[in-house]
Amino acid sequence: MSDSNQGGSAPVAVGDLDIHDTKSKVEVGHEKQIVGKAEIELEKDMMAVAAAEAKAAAETEAAAEMMQLAAEAKAAAEAKAAAAAEEEKSAQSVVHEFNTAAIKAFSEEQYAVAADKLSDAIQIDPHNPALYGNRSLALFEDGRFMEALKDA
């Protein structure tokens, strides 16, 4: 063996290239591949994050739209219920007016008029048993016994 190789670290020249230079170039090339792959993975991760953010934004917007629709539906239902309550109140007011007129007619012994007013009230509120009872009494006092029996 020669003295020049005993140190073990002396470069061996092959052509114009040094083995140490070639090894370094290979290592640098390998590191560049690793960095390139890492950059690709980072780009993929960034795209996935952007897609997730876009999806979350779309879901948030959809949820906001659903909340708005629910609020509008609730408001419409409340308005409809209020209108129905007002209509019921108005109908009951008319029934009360007919019933009051019937009571007045009955007290004046105008039994046929009382029965007619109660019939009008029954047209508006057919589920009110008091109206049928009062009409039955008015019909009875008017001598219309068979009709009175139907309401009794």
Protein backbone atom coordinates (compact mmCIF):
# COMPACT_ATOMS: atom_id res chain seq x y z
CA MET A 1 0.00 0.00 0.00
CA SER A 2 1.15 3.44 -0.63
CA ASP A 3 1.56 6.14 1.96
CA SER A 4 -0.84 8.43 0.25
CA ASN A 5 -3.84 6.13 1.00
CA GLN A 6 -3.08 5.40 4.65
CA GLY A 7 -4.74 8.51 5.94
CA GLY A 8 -8.04 7.29 4.50
CA SER A 9 -9.36 10.74 3.80
CA ALA A 10 -7.42 11.69 0.77
CA PRO A 11 -9.62 12.03 -2.29
CA VAL A 12 -9.16 9.61 -5.10
CA ALA A 13 -9.29 11.28 -8.49
CA VAL A 14 -11.22 9.55 -11.19
CA GLY A 15 -10.88 11.43 -14.40
CA ASP A 16 -11.50 15.06 -13.56
CA LEU A 17 -13.96 14.26 -10.70
CA ASP A 18 -13.13 13.67 -7.17
CA ILE A 19 -15.06 10.87 -5.37
CA HIS A 20 -15.85 13.18 -2.47
CA ASP A 21 -17.27 15.77 -4.88
CA THR A 22 -19.43 13.13 -6.56
CA LYS A 23 -20.70 11.87 -3.20
CA SER A 24 -21.58 15.44 -2.15
CA LYS A 25 -23.37 16.07 -5.41
CA VAL A 26 -25.41 12.89 -4.97
CA GLU A 27 -26.29 13.86 -1.41
CA VAL A 28 -27.30 17.37 -2.52
CA GLY A 29 -29.41 15.91 -5.32
CA HIS A 30 -31.10 13.56 -2.86
CA GLU A 31 -31.75 16.44 -0.44
CA LYS A 32 -33.24 18.48 -3.29
CA GLN A 33 -35.60 15.59 -4.04
CA ILE A 34 -36.64 15.41 -0.38
CA VAL A 35 -37.21 19.18 -0.28
CA GLY A 36 -39.15 18.99 -3.55
CA LYS A 37 -41.36 16.24 -2.17
CA ALA A 38 -41.89 18.22 1.04
CA GLU A 39 -42.87 21.29 -1.00
CA ILE A 40 -45.36 19.19 -2.98
CA GLU A 41 -46.82 17.79 0.26
CA LEU A 42 -46.99 21.30 1.71
CA GLU A 43 -48.80 22.53 -1.41
CA LYS A 44 -51.26 19.63 -1.15
CA ASP A 45 -51.85 20.41 2.54
CA MET A 46 -52.39 24.09 1.77
CA MET A 47 -54.89 23.17 -0.94
CA ALA A 48 -56.70 20.86 1.49
CA VAL A 49 -56.85 23.62 4.10
CA ALA A 50 -58.18 26.07 1.51
CA ALA A 51 -60.81 23.55 0.43
CA ALA A 52 -61.82 22.92 4.06
CA GLU A 53 -62.07 26.66 4.69
CA ALA A 54 -64.21 27.10 1.58
CA LYS A 55 -66.45 24.24 2.66
CA ALA A 56 -66.79 25.68 6.16
CA ALA A 57 -67.63 29.10 4.72
CA ALA A 58 -70.27 27.55 2.45
CA GLU A 59 -71.73 25.58 5.35
CA THR A 60 -71.79 28.71 7.52
CA GLU A 61 -73.55 30.62 4.75
CA ALA A 62 -76.04 27.78 4.27
CA ALA A 63 -76.68 27.68 8.03
CA ALA A 64 -77.26 31.44 8.05
CA GLU A 65 -79.70 31.10 5.16
CA MET A 66 -81.52 28.29 6.98
CA MET A 67 -81.72 30.43 10.13
CA GLN A 68 -83.13 33.31 8.06
CA LEU A 69 -85.70 31.03 6.44
CA ALA A 70 -86.66 29.61 9.83
CA ALA A 71 -87.07 33.12 11.24
CA GLU A 72 -89.22 34.12 8.26
CA ALA A 73 -91.34 30.98 8.62
CA LYS A 74 -91.77 31.63 12.34
CA ALA A 75 -92.80 35.23 11.67
CA ALA A 76 -95.27 34.10 9.02
CA ALA A 77 -96.74 31.48 11.37
CA GLU A 78 -97.03 34.03 14.17
CA ALA A 79 -98.71 36.52 11.82
CA LYS A 80 -101.11 33.82 10.64
CA ALA A 81 -101.89 32.83 14.24
CA ALA A 82 -102.44 36.47 15.18
CA ALA A 83 -104.75 36.94 12.19
CA ALA A 84 -106.67 33.79 13.12
CA ALA A 85 -106.95 34.96 16.72
CA GLU A 86 -108.17 38.35 15.56
CA GLU A 87 -110.68 36.68 13.25
CA GLU A 88 -111.87 34.45 16.10
CA LYS A 89 -112.14 37.48 18.37
CA SER A 90 -114.12 39.32 15.71
CA ALA A 91 -116.39 36.30 15.16
CA GLN A 92 -116.97 35.97 18.90
CA SER A 93 -117.79 39.67 19.04
CA VAL A 94 -120.46 39.19 16.36
CA VAL A 95 -121.80 36.11 18.17
CA HIS A 96 -121.97 38.17 21.37
CA GLU A 97 -123.91 40.89 19.53
CA PHE A 98 -126.41 38.35 18.16
CA ASN A 99 -126.76 36.72 21.59
CA THR A 100 -127.30 40.12 23.26
CA ALA A 101 -129.97 40.99 20.69
CA ALA A 102 -131.62 37.60 21.26
CA ILE A 103 -131.69 38.14 25.03
CA LYS A 104 -133.25 41.57 24.53
CA ALA A 105 -135.87 40.15 22.13
CA PHE A 106 -136.60 37.29 24.55
CA SER A 107 -137.08 39.76 27.44
CA GLU A 108 -139.54 41.65 25.21
CA GLU A 109 -141.33 38.34 24.49
CA GLN A 110 -140.32 38.47 20.81
CA TYR A 111 -139.42 34.77 20.77
CA ALA A 112 -139.29 34.37 16.98
CA VAL A 113 -136.84 37.28 16.70
CA ALA A 114 -134.77 35.80 19.55
CA ALA A 115 -134.67 32.41 17.79
CA ASP A 116 -133.61 34.08 14.49
CA LYS A 117 -130.80 36.02 16.20
CA LEU A 118 -129.60 32.84 17.88
CA SER A 119 -129.71 31.03 14.52
CA ASP A 120 -127.45 33.76 13.11
CA ALA A 121 -125.06 33.29 16.04
CA ILE A 122 -125.05 29.50 15.51
CA GLN A 123 -124.04 30.05 11.85
CA ILE A 124 -120.87 31.75 13.11
CA ASP A 125 -120.18 29.50 16.12
CA PRO A 126 -121.81 26.10 15.51
CA HIS A 127 -119.91 24.47 18.39
CA ASN A 128 -121.35 26.66 21.16
CA PRO A 129 -123.90 24.57 23.11
CA ALA A 130 -125.26 27.60 25.02
CA LEU A 131 -126.55 29.07 21.75
CA TYR A 132 -128.50 25.88 20.99
CA GLY A 133 -129.95 25.82 24.52
CA ASN A 134 -131.05 29.45 24.30
CA ARG A 135 -132.56 28.93 20.84
CA SER A 136 -134.40 25.84 22.09
CA LEU A 137 -135.97 27.92 24.86
CA ALA A 138 -136.91 30.72 22.43
CA LEU A 139 -138.47 28.20 20.03
CA PHE A 140 -140.34 26.52 22.88
CA GLU A 141 -141.73 29.87 24.08
CA ASP A 142 -142.73 30.65 20.46
CA GLY A 143 -144.71 27.40 20.38
CA ARG A 144 -142.40 25.62 17.92
CA PHE A 145 -141.97 22.55 20.06
CA MET A 146 -140.57 20.11 17.49
CA GLU A 147 -137.84 22.59 16.48
CA ALA A 148 -137.12 23.27 20.14
CA LEU A 149 -136.72 19.55 20.74
CA LYS A 150 -134.03 19.32 18.02
CA ASP A 151 -131.87 21.90 19.82
CA ALA A 152 -132.44 20.53 23.32
